[in-house]
């Protein structure tokens, strides 16, 4: 139905009603519509940018998962394979009717191995406070790609070997790549930290922990705290130093643990009491 004005009454007489309302039609029928081109281009660009941002977010999320989780899984698996692959003679297995063989304490000067080649695994580290299943390989050097990211714990090359006078200093990740020093902040004075080479146990005791700047390299000096240029005193103490990043997920500072050698024992004589107390034992195949 269309709308139209009513015709006048016959004879020109008015019907008495006003004109019926009519729709005048479009007011600007002849005007051109606004081109959608500019708005469409903007919308398309915004859509593409949005998709790129979403894709970037997904990729970033996957990278975080890889960095914080998968590298940790792979690192821990590889470190356990290294431990299992060491062809070292285990401590004496206990007789069926006897308890585990306890290593005898030795407090005289211990045997000390020669410094190995870069990235060579030469020791294992046990920390009873971190659980009966904690054991990590120790390799020469602190290079990130070849040692810290793959093997686990690295030995600062210019520091003492286990058991020697001076400072046996090590570094390891606190997160990712097996996170060997993840729980470093839990260590307390008096806690044992046990280092094993192929033939010798070295039992250290934690003395202190502290947080320092990355530039404070004196923590790995032959005597911890000795600054460059200071006179080197006669070395008589056998120190242990453990270093890792601080706080978690940041390299802004370093978390430091110092210790000193309590005693040593030949592996052939048995297992340190500190490991047995933590539930760490070995069978004839060297399996804990």
C-alpha atoms as a PDB file:
ATOM      1  CA  UNK A   1       0.000   0.000   0.000  1.00  0.00           C
ATOM      2  CA  UNK A   2       1.210   3.459  -0.865  1.00  0.00           C
ATOM      3  CA  UNK A   3       0.383   6.668   0.927  1.00  0.00           C
ATOM      4  CA  UNK A   4      -1.091   9.584  -0.949  1.00  0.00           C
ATOM      5  CA  UNK A   5      -3.001  12.812  -0.308  1.00  0.00           C
ATOM      6  CA  UNK A   6      -6.868  12.520  -0.468  1.00  0.00           C
ATOM      7  CA  UNK A   7      -8.749  14.215  -3.362  1.00  0.00           C
ATOM      8  CA  UNK A   8     -10.920  17.299  -2.584  1.00  0.00           C
ATOM      9  CA  UNK A   9     -14.674  16.730  -2.130  1.00  0.00           C
ATOM     10  CA  UNK A  10     -16.924  17.284  -5.177  1.00  0.00           C
ATOM     11  CA  UNK A  11     -17.706  20.908  -5.945  1.00  0.00           C
ATOM     12  CA  UNK A  12     -14.541  22.033  -4.323  1.00  0.00           C
ATOM     13  CA  UNK A  13     -16.021  21.663  -0.920  1.00  0.00           C
ATOM     14  CA  UNK A  14     -13.656  20.751   1.703  1.00  0.00           C
ATOM     15  CA  UNK A  15     -14.153  17.489   3.447  1.00  0.00           C
ATOM     16  CA  UNK A  16     -13.513  19.249   6.699  1.00  0.00           C
ATOM     17  CA  UNK A  17     -10.460  17.209   7.385  1.00  0.00           C
ATOM     18  CA  UNK A  18      -6.946  18.269   6.907  1.00  0.00           C
ATOM     19  CA  UNK A  19      -4.736  16.574   4.392  1.00  0.00           C
ATOM     20  CA  UNK A  20      -3.806  13.062   5.290  1.00  0.00           C
ATOM     21  CA  UNK A  21      -0.223  12.749   6.420  1.00  0.00           C
ATOM     22  CA  UNK A  22       2.067  11.512   3.731  1.00  0.00           C
ATOM     23  CA  UNK A  23       5.615  10.202   3.798  1.00  0.00           C
ATOM     24  CA  UNK A  24       7.681  12.651   1.865  1.00  0.00           C
ATOM     25  CA  UNK A  25      10.195  10.032   0.830  1.00  0.00           C
ATOM     26  CA  UNK A  26      13.916  10.237   1.323  1.00  0.00           C
ATOM     27  CA  UNK A  27      14.943  13.787   2.080  1.00  0.00           C
ATOM     28  CA  UNK A  28      18.228  13.473   0.185  1.00  0.00           C
ATOM     29  CA  UNK A  29      17.503  10.854  -2.379  1.00  0.00           C
ATOM     30  CA  UNK A  30      19.944  12.360  -4.801  1.00  0.00           C
ATOM     31  CA  UNK A  31      22.881  12.459  -2.362  1.00  0.00           C
ATOM     32  CA  UNK A  32      25.678   9.870  -2.774  1.00  0.00           C
ATOM     33  CA  UNK A  33      26.228   7.347  -0.048  1.00  0.00           C
ATOM     34  CA  UNK A  34      29.448   7.619   1.925  1.00  0.00           C
ATOM     35  CA  UNK A  35      32.135   5.400   0.544  1.00  0.00           C
ATOM     36  CA  UNK A  36      32.940   2.532   2.891  1.00  0.00           C
ATOM     37  CA  UNK A  37      36.459   2.201   1.519  1.00  0.00           C
ATOM     38  CA  UNK A  38      38.379   4.101   4.237  1.00  0.00           C
ATOM     39  CA  UNK A  39      36.558   2.452   7.128  1.00  0.00           C
ATOM     40  CA  UNK A  40      36.933  -0.972   5.548  1.00  0.00           C
ATOM     41  CA  UNK A  41      40.686  -0.573   5.187  1.00  0.00           C
ATOM     42  CA  UNK A  42      41.040   0.479   8.826  1.00  0.00           C
ATOM     43  CA  UNK A  43      38.936  -2.453   9.976  1.00  0.00           C
ATOM     44  CA  UNK A  44      40.994  -4.862   7.891  1.00  0.00           C
ATOM     45  CA  UNK A  45      44.264  -3.500   9.262  1.00  0.00           C
ATOM     46  CA  UNK A  46      42.988  -3.713  12.833  1.00  0.00           C
ATOM     47  CA  UNK A  47      41.872  -7.287  12.207  1.00  0.00           C
ATOM     48  CA  UNK A  48      45.264  -8.320  10.837  1.00  0.00           C
ATOM     49  CA  UNK A  49      47.115  -6.628  13.701  1.00  0.00           C
ATOM     50  CA  UNK A  50      44.821  -8.339  16.190  1.00  0.00           C
ATOM     51  CA  UNK A  51      45.490 -11.736  14.644  1.00  0.00           C
ATOM     52  CA  UNK A  52      49.234 -11.103  14.712  1.00  0.00           C
ATOM     53  CA  UNK A  53      49.088 -10.127  18.376  1.00  0.00           C
ATOM     54  CA  UNK A  54      47.126 -13.262  19.228  1.00  0.00           C
ATOM     55  CA  UNK A  55      49.640 -15.384  17.321  1.00  0.00           C
ATOM     56  CA  UNK A  56      52.538 -13.641  19.059  1.00  0.00           C
ATOM     57  CA  UNK A  57      50.872 -14.250  22.420  1.00  0.00           C
ATOM     58  CA  UNK A  58      50.468 -17.954  21.680  1.00  0.00           C
ATOM     59  CA  UNK A  59      54.095 -18.239  20.562  1.00  0.00           C
ATOM     60  CA  UNK A  60      55.281 -16.374  23.646  1.00  0.00           C
ATOM     61  CA  UNK A  61      53.234 -18.680  25.842  1.00  0.00           C
ATOM     62  CA  UNK A  62      54.748 -21.732  24.155  1.00  0.00           C
ATOM     63  CA  UNK A  63      58.240 -20.290  24.641  1.00  0.00           C
ATOM     64  CA  UNK A  64      57.578 -19.764  28.353  1.00  0.00           C
ATOM     65  CA  UNK A  65      56.353 -23.356  28.672  1.00  0.00           C
ATOM     66  CA  UNK A  66      59.474 -24.565  26.878  1.00  0.00           C
ATOM     67  CA  UNK A  67      61.811 -22.372  28.915  1.00  0.00           C
ATOM     68  CA  UNK A  68      60.363 -23.024  32.368  1.00  0.00           C
ATOM     69  CA  UNK A  69      59.052 -26.566  32.049  1.00  0.00           C
ATOM     70  CA  UNK A  70      60.384 -28.544  29.122  1.00  0.00           C
ATOM     71  CA  UNK A  71      64.036 -27.500  29.546  1.00  0.00           C
ATOM     72  CA  UNK A  72      63.697 -28.521  33.192  1.00  0.00           C
ATOM     73  CA  UNK A  73      62.288 -31.944  32.276  1.00  0.00           C
ATOM     74  CA  UNK A  74      64.943 -32.535  29.637  1.00  0.00           C
ATOM     75  CA  UNK A  75      67.730 -31.211  31.846  1.00  0.00           C
ATOM     76  CA  UNK A  76      66.813 -33.431  34.779  1.00  0.00           C
ATOM     77  CA  UNK A  77      66.512 -36.494  32.518  1.00  0.00           C
ATOM     78  CA  UNK A  78      69.907 -35.828  30.937  1.00  0.00           C
ATOM     79  CA  UNK A  79      71.568 -35.261  34.309  1.00  0.00           C
ATOM     80  CA  UNK A  80      70.230 -38.580  35.621  1.00  0.00           C
ATOM     81  CA  UNK A  81      71.520 -40.305  32.487  1.00  0.00           C
ATOM     82  CA  UNK A  82      74.966 -38.839  33.181  1.00  0.00           C
ATOM     83  CA  UNK A  83      74.902 -40.160  36.752  1.00  0.00           C
ATOM     84  CA  UNK A  84      73.780 -43.599  35.574  1.00  0.00           C
ATOM     85  CA  UNK A  85      76.490 -43.628  32.914  1.00  0.00           C
ATOM     86  CA  UNK A  86      79.387 -43.059  35.322  1.00  0.00           C
ATOM     87  CA  UNK A  87      81.251 -46.350  35.600  1.00  0.00           C
ATOM     88  CA  UNK A  88      82.249 -45.820  39.215  1.00  0.00           C
ATOM     89  CA  UNK A  89      82.648 -48.528  41.842  1.00  0.00           C
ATOM     90  CA  UNK A  90      79.800 -48.239  44.371  1.00  0.00           C
ATOM     91  CA  UNK A  91      80.338 -48.137  48.135  1.00  0.00           C
ATOM     92  CA  UNK A  92      80.421 -51.579  49.785  1.00  0.00           C
ATOM     93  CA  UNK A  93      76.971 -53.170  49.792  1.00  0.00           C
ATOM     94  CA  UNK A  94      75.722 -54.205  53.253  1.00  0.00           C
ATOM     95  CA  UNK A  95      75.581 -57.866  54.209  1.00  0.00           C
ATOM     96  CA  UNK A  96      72.083 -59.297  54.363  1.00  0.00           C
ATOM     97  CA  UNK A  97      72.126 -59.465  58.171  1.00  0.00           C
ATOM     98  CA  UNK A  98      73.998 -56.239  58.750  1.00  0.00           C
ATOM     99  CA  UNK A  99      73.251 -52.572  58.320  1.00  0.00           C
ATOM    100  CA  UNK A 100      74.813 -50.385  55.640  1.00  0.00           C
ATOM    101  CA  UNK A 101      78.561 -49.887  55.774  1.00  0.00           C
ATOM    102  CA  UNK A 102      79.298 -46.504  57.312  1.00  0.00           C
ATOM    103  CA  UNK A 103      82.328 -44.664  55.990  1.00  0.00           C
ATOM    104  CA  UNK A 104      85.030 -43.890  58.523  1.00  0.00           C
ATOM    105  CA  UNK A 105      85.720 -40.212  59.177  1.00  0.00           C
ATOM    106  CA  UNK A 106      89.132 -39.010  58.052  1.00  0.00           C
ATOM    107  CA  UNK A 107      90.303 -35.572  59.105  1.00  0.00           C
ATOM    108  CA  UNK A 108      93.863 -35.550  57.802  1.00  0.00           C
ATOM    109  CA  UNK A 109      94.642 -33.975  54.427  1.00  0.00           C
ATOM    110  CA  UNK A 110      92.436 -35.689  51.839  1.00  0.00           C
ATOM    111  CA  UNK A 111      93.413 -36.947  48.399  1.00  0.00           C
ATOM    112  CA  UNK A 112      92.712 -34.405  45.660  1.00  0.00           C
ATOM    113  CA  UNK A 113      92.067 -35.175  41.995  1.00  0.00           C
ATOM    114  CA  UNK A 114      93.738 -33.264  39.181  1.00  0.00           C
ATOM    115  CA  UNK A 115      91.643 -30.637  37.433  1.00  0.00           C
ATOM    116  CA  UNK A 116      89.865 -32.241  34.454  1.00  0.00           C
ATOM    117  CA  UNK A 117      89.223 -30.919  30.960  1.00  0.00           C
ATOM    118  CA  UNK A 118      86.388 -28.480  30.248  1.00  0.00           C
ATOM    119  CA  UNK A 119      82.887 -30.013  30.430  1.00  0.00           C
ATOM    120  CA  UNK A 120      84.223 -33.268  31.918  1.00  0.00           C
ATOM    121  CA  UNK A 121      82.079 -34.777  34.676  1.00  0.00           C
ATOM    122  CA  UNK A 122      84.291 -35.501  37.681  1.00  0.00           C
ATOM    123  CA  UNK A 123      81.991 -35.500  40.726  1.00  0.00           C
ATOM    124  CA  UNK A 124      78.490 -36.021  42.080  1.00  0.00           C
ATOM    125  CA  UNK A 125      76.725 -33.733  44.543  1.00  0.00           C
ATOM    126  CA  UNK A 126      74.355 -34.928  47.290  1.00  0.00           C
ATOM    127  CA  UNK A 127      72.362 -32.581  49.518  1.00  0.00           C
ATOM    128  CA  UNK A 128      70.403 -34.526  52.178  1.00  0.00           C
ATOM    129  CA  UNK A 129      68.120 -31.573  52.935  1.00  0.00           C
ATOM    130  CA  UNK A 130      66.905 -31.704  49.327  1.00  0.00           C
ATOM    131  CA  UNK A 131      65.759 -35.315  49.561  1.00  0.00           C
ATOM    132  CA  UNK A 132      66.998 -38.875  49.224  1.00  0.00           C
ATOM    133  CA  UNK A 133      66.660 -38.792  45.437  1.00  0.00           C
ATOM    134  CA  UNK A 134      68.808 -35.697  44.933  1.00  0.00           C
ATOM    135  CA  UNK A 135      72.093 -36.357  43.149  1.00  0.00           C
ATOM    136  CA  UNK A 136      73.534 -34.199  40.373  1.00  0.00           C
ATOM    137  CA  UNK A 137      76.657 -34.400  38.211  1.00  0.00           C
ATOM    138  CA  UNK A 138      79.416 -31.815  38.556  1.00  0.00           C
ATOM    139  CA  UNK A 139      81.470 -30.879  35.491  1.00  0.00           C
ATOM    140  CA  UNK A 140      84.460 -28.667  34.885  1.00  0.00           C
ATOM    141  CA  UNK A 141      83.679 -25.114  33.782  1.00  0.00           C
ATOM    142  CA  UNK A 142      80.707 -22.783  33.986  1.00  0.00           C
ATOM    143  CA  UNK A 143      79.987 -22.280  30.289  1.00  0.00           C
ATOM    144  CA  UNK A 144      76.219 -22.017  29.880  1.00  0.00           C
ATOM    145  CA  UNK A 145      75.624 -24.011  26.660  1.00  0.00           C
ATOM    146  CA  UNK A 146      78.101 -26.835  27.334  1.00  0.00           C
ATOM    147  CA  UNK A 147      77.868 -27.214  31.118  1.00  0.00           C
ATOM    148  CA  UNK A 148      75.110 -25.379  32.984  1.00  0.00           C
ATOM    149  CA  UNK A 149      72.356 -25.971  30.397  1.00  0.00           C
ATOM    150  CA  UNK A 150      73.262 -29.577  29.686  1.00  0.00           C
ATOM    151  CA  UNK A 151      75.209 -31.229  32.501  1.00  0.00           C
ATOM    152  CA  UNK A 152      73.935 -29.311  35.541  1.00  0.00           C
ATOM    153  CA  UNK A 153      76.491 -28.094  38.082  1.00  0.00           C
ATOM    154  CA  UNK A 154      79.655 -26.349  36.924  1.00  0.00           C
ATOM    155  CA  UNK A 155      82.972 -25.924  38.741  1.00  0.00           C
ATOM    156  CA  UNK A 156      84.629 -22.512  38.519  1.00  0.00           C
ATOM    157  CA  UNK A 157      87.910 -23.377  36.730  1.00  0.00           C
ATOM    158  CA  UNK A 158      90.166 -21.135  38.815  1.00  0.00           C
ATOM    159  CA  UNK A 159      88.989 -22.501  42.160  1.00  0.00           C
ATOM    160  CA  UNK A 160      90.077 -25.497  44.237  1.00  0.00           C
ATOM    161  CA  UNK A 161      89.132 -29.081  43.471  1.00  0.00           C
ATOM    162  CA  UNK A 162      87.043 -30.989  46.060  1.00  0.00           C
ATOM    163  CA  UNK A 163      88.928 -31.484  49.308  1.00  0.00           C
ATOM    164  CA  UNK A 164      91.786 -29.155  48.426  1.00  0.00           C
ATOM    165  CA  UNK A 165      92.768 -26.079  50.422  1.00  0.00           C
ATOM    166  CA  UNK A 166      91.105 -22.986  49.041  1.00  0.00           C
ATOM    167  CA  UNK A 167      87.583 -22.653  47.713  1.00  0.00           C
ATOM    168  CA  UNK A 168      85.775 -25.403  45.794  1.00  0.00           C
ATOM    169  CA  UNK A 169      83.220 -23.154  44.055  1.00  0.00           C
ATOM    170  CA  UNK A 170      80.304 -24.236  41.871  1.00  0.00           C
ATOM    171  CA  UNK A 171      77.414 -22.681  39.952  1.00  0.00           C
ATOM    172  CA  UNK A 172      74.059 -24.034  38.759  1.00  0.00           C
ATOM    173  CA  UNK A 173      70.647 -22.900  37.578  1.00  0.00           C
ATOM    174  CA  UNK A 174      67.968 -22.210  40.149  1.00  0.00           C
ATOM    175  CA  UNK A 175      65.190 -22.572  37.553  1.00  0.00           C
ATOM    176  CA  UNK A 176      65.115 -24.402  34.200  1.00  0.00           C
ATOM    177  CA  UNK A 177      67.542 -26.983  32.800  1.00  0.00           C
ATOM    178  CA  UNK A 178      67.054 -29.412  35.684  1.00  0.00           C
ATOM    179  CA  UNK A 179      67.335 -26.551  38.241  1.00  0.00           C
ATOM    180  CA  UNK A 180      70.068 -28.225  40.351  1.00  0.00           C
ATOM    181  CA  UNK A 181      70.168 -25.337  42.865  1.00  0.00           C
ATOM    182  CA  UNK A 182      66.433 -24.666  42.934  1.00  0.00           C
ATOM    183  CA  UNK A 183      66.273 -25.075  46.739  1.00  0.00           C
ATOM    184  CA  UNK A 184      69.555 -23.367  47.580  1.00  0.00           C
ATOM    185  CA  UNK A 185      67.801 -20.850  49.853  1.00  0.00           C
ATOM    186  CA  UNK A 186      66.626 -23.696  52.121  1.00  0.00           C
ATOM    187  CA  UNK A 187      70.138 -24.617  53.251  1.00  0.00           C
ATOM    188  CA  UNK A 188      70.898 -23.874  56.894  1.00  0.00           C
ATOM    189  CA  UNK A 189      74.170 -23.621  58.851  1.00  0.00           C
ATOM    190  CA  UNK A 190      75.293 -27.111  59.791  1.00  0.00           C
ATOM    191  CA  UNK A 191      73.608 -28.833  56.833  1.00  0.00           C
ATOM    192  CA  UNK A 192      75.822 -31.432  55.137  1.00  0.00           C
ATOM    193  CA  UNK A 193      76.685 -31.100  51.459  1.00  0.00           C
ATOM    194  CA  UNK A 194      78.410 -34.234  50.175  1.00  0.00           C
ATOM    195  CA  UNK A 195      80.665 -34.347  47.125  1.00  0.00           C
ATOM    196  CA  UNK A 196      81.752 -37.662  45.675  1.00  0.00           C
ATOM    197  CA  UNK A 197      84.532 -38.220  43.169  1.00  0.00           C
ATOM    198  CA  UNK A 198      85.195 -41.680  41.779  1.00  0.00           C
ATOM    199  CA  UNK A 199      87.142 -42.774  44.860  1.00  0.00           C
ATOM    200  CA  UNK A 200      86.465 -40.249  47.638  1.00  0.00           C
ATOM    201  CA  UNK A 201      83.637 -38.732  49.692  1.00  0.00           C
ATOM    202  CA  UNK A 202      84.016 -35.104  50.852  1.00  0.00           C
ATOM    203  CA  UNK A 203      81.523 -34.017  53.512  1.00  0.00           C
ATOM    204  CA  UNK A 204      81.156 -30.242  53.843  1.00  0.00           C
ATOM    205  CA  UNK A 205      79.041 -28.305  56.351  1.00  0.00           C
ATOM    206  CA  UNK A 206      77.176 -25.110  55.487  1.00  0.00           C
ATOM    207  CA  UNK A 207      78.431 -22.090  57.434  1.00  0.00           C
ATOM    208  CA  UNK A 208      76.480 -19.162  55.969  1.00  0.00           C
ATOM    209  CA  UNK A 209      74.252 -17.886  53.163  1.00  0.00           C
ATOM    210  CA  UNK A 210      74.043 -14.416  51.649  1.00  0.00           C
ATOM    211  CA  UNK A 211      72.829 -12.423  48.658  1.00  0.00           C
ATOM    212  CA  UNK A 212      75.330 -10.415  46.615  1.00  0.00           C
ATOM    213  CA  UNK A 213      75.589  -8.460  43.374  1.00  0.00           C
ATOM    214  CA  UNK A 214      76.799 -10.343  40.272  1.00  0.00           C
ATOM    215  CA  UNK A 215      79.991  -8.271  40.335  1.00  0.00           C
ATOM    216  CA  UNK A 216      81.018  -9.485  43.806  1.00  0.00           C
ATOM    217  CA  UNK A 217      83.326 -12.198  42.524  1.00  0.00           C
ATOM    218  CA  UNK A 218      85.184 -12.295  45.837  1.00  0.00           C
ATOM    219  CA  UNK A 219      82.709 -14.975  46.962  1.00  0.00           C
ATOM    220  CA  UNK A 220      84.668 -17.511  44.882  1.00  0.00           C
ATOM    221  CA  UNK A 221      88.111 -16.261  45.970  1.00  0.00           C
ATOM    222  CA  UNK A 222      90.479 -18.804  47.599  1.00  0.00           C
ATOM    223  CA  UNK A 223      89.326 -17.315  50.890  1.00  0.00           C
ATOM    224  CA  UNK A 224      85.722 -16.131  50.405  1.00  0.00           C
ATOM    225  CA  UNK A 225      85.602 -12.342  50.681  1.00  0.00           C
ATOM    226  CA  UNK A 226      89.190 -11.806  49.553  1.00  0.00           C
ATOM    227  CA  UNK A 227      89.178  -8.944  47.039  1.00  0.00           C
ATOM    228  CA  UNK A 228      91.349  -8.578  43.965  1.00  0.00           C
ATOM    229  CA  UNK A 229      94.651  -6.993  44.981  1.00  0.00           C
ATOM    230  CA  UNK A 230      94.452  -8.161  48.601  1.00  0.00           C
ATOM    231  CA  UNK A 231      97.480 -10.119  49.868  1.00  0.00           C
ATOM    232  CA  UNK A 232      96.850 -13.853  49.553  1.00  0.00           C
ATOM    233  CA  UNK A 233      97.181 -15.446  52.984  1.00  0.00           C
ATOM    234  CA  UNK A 234      98.489 -18.948  53.580  1.00  0.00           C
ATOM    235  CA  UNK A 235      95.673 -21.294  52.633  1.00  0.00           C
ATOM    236  CA  UNK A 236      94.725 -23.742  55.354  1.00  0.00           C
ATOM    237  CA  UNK A 237      90.914 -23.977  55.186  1.00  0.00           C
ATOM    238  CA  UNK A 238      88.987 -26.098  52.686  1.00  0.00           C
ATOM    239  CA  UNK A 239      85.914 -24.112  51.603  1.00  0.00           C
ATOM    240  CA  UNK A 240      82.813 -24.911  49.590  1.00  0.00           C
ATOM    241  CA  UNK A 241      80.852 -22.229  47.709  1.00  0.00           C
ATOM    242  CA  UNK A 242      77.561 -22.703  45.854  1.00  0.00           C
ATOM    243  CA  UNK A 243      76.260 -19.878  43.640  1.00  0.00           C
ATOM    244  CA  UNK A 244      72.974 -19.372  41.800  1.00  0.00           C
ATOM    245  CA  UNK A 245      70.777 -16.583  40.490  1.00  0.00           C
ATOM    246  CA  UNK A 246      68.490 -14.587  42.792  1.00  0.00           C
ATOM    247  CA  UNK A 247      65.616 -13.954  43.047  1.00  0.00           C
ATOM    248  CA  UNK A 248      63.825 -16.797  41.319  1.00  0.00           C
ATOM    249  CA  UNK A 249      63.431 -16.215  37.548  1.00  0.00           C
ATOM    250  CA  UNK A 250      65.865 -13.301  37.682  1.00  0.00           C
ATOM    251  CA  UNK A 251      69.611 -12.763  37.329  1.00  0.00           C
ATOM    252  CA  UNK A 252      69.613  -9.458  39.191  1.00  0.00           C
ATOM    253  CA  UNK A 253      71.572 -10.860  42.167  1.00  0.00           C
ATOM    254  CA  UNK A 254      73.358 -14.024  43.279  1.00  0.00           C
ATOM    255  CA  UNK A 255      72.475 -16.367  46.139  1.00  0.00           C
ATOM    256  CA  UNK A 256      75.602 -17.660  47.842  1.00  0.00           C
ATOM    257  CA  UNK A 257      76.135 -20.571  50.239  1.00  0.00           C
ATOM    258  CA  UNK A 258      79.502 -21.095  51.929  1.00  0.00           C
ATOM    259  CA  UNK A 259      80.705 -24.157  53.798  1.00  0.00           C
ATOM    260  CA  UNK A 260      83.847 -25.840  55.077  1.00  0.00           C
ATOM    261  CA  UNK A 261      85.109 -29.418  54.886  1.00  0.00           C
ATOM    262  CA  UNK A 262      84.074 -31.528  57.872  1.00  0.00           C
ATOM    263  CA  UNK A 263      85.763 -34.803  56.900  1.00  0.00           C
ATOM    264  CA  UNK A 264      86.480 -37.118  53.995  1.00  0.00           C
ATOM    265  CA  UNK A 265      86.294 -40.875  53.462  1.00  0.00           C
ATOM    266  CA  UNK A 266      87.284 -43.403  50.806  1.00  0.00           C
ATOM    267  CA  UNK A 267      84.301 -44.706  48.863  1.00  0.00           C
ATOM    268  CA  UNK A 268      85.680 -48.209  49.391  1.00  0.00           C
ATOM    269  CA  UNK A 269      85.020 -47.923  53.140  1.00  0.00           C
ATOM    270  CA  UNK A 270      81.281 -47.271  52.919  1.00  0.00           C
ATOM    271  CA  UNK A 271      78.727 -44.465  52.765  1.00  0.00           C
ATOM    272  CA  UNK A 272      78.830 -41.256  54.859  1.00  0.00           C
ATOM    273  CA  UNK A 273      76.459 -41.359  57.806  1.00  0.00           C
ATOM    274  CA  UNK A 274      74.876 -38.108  56.596  1.00  0.00           C
ATOM    275  CA  UNK A 275      73.640 -39.853  53.442  1.00  0.00           C
ATOM    276  CA  UNK A 276      72.398 -42.901  55.329  1.00  0.00           C
ATOM    277  CA  UNK A 277      70.469 -40.646  57.711  1.00  0.00           C
ATOM    278  CA  UNK A 278      68.733 -39.144  54.670  1.00  0.00           C
ATOM    279  CA  UNK A 279      67.793 -42.581  53.346  1.00  0.00           C
ATOM    280  CA  UNK A 280      70.434 -42.653  50.606  1.00  0.00           C
ATOM    281  CA  UNK A 281      71.888 -46.144  50.189  1.00  0.00           C
ATOM    282  CA  UNK A 282      73.588 -48.096  47.407  1.00  0.00           C
ATOM    283  CA  UNK A 283      73.294 -51.677  46.243  1.00  0.00           C
ATOM    284  CA  UNK A 284      76.005 -53.735  44.596  1.00  0.00           C
ATOM    285  CA  UNK A 285      75.293 -52.043  41.276  1.00  0.00           C
ATOM    286  CA  UNK A 286      75.686 -48.602  42.768  1.00  0.00           C
ATOM    287  CA  UNK A 287      71.982 -47.816  42.533  1.00  0.00           C
ATOM    288  CA  UNK A 288      70.522 -45.639  45.250  1.00  0.00           C
END
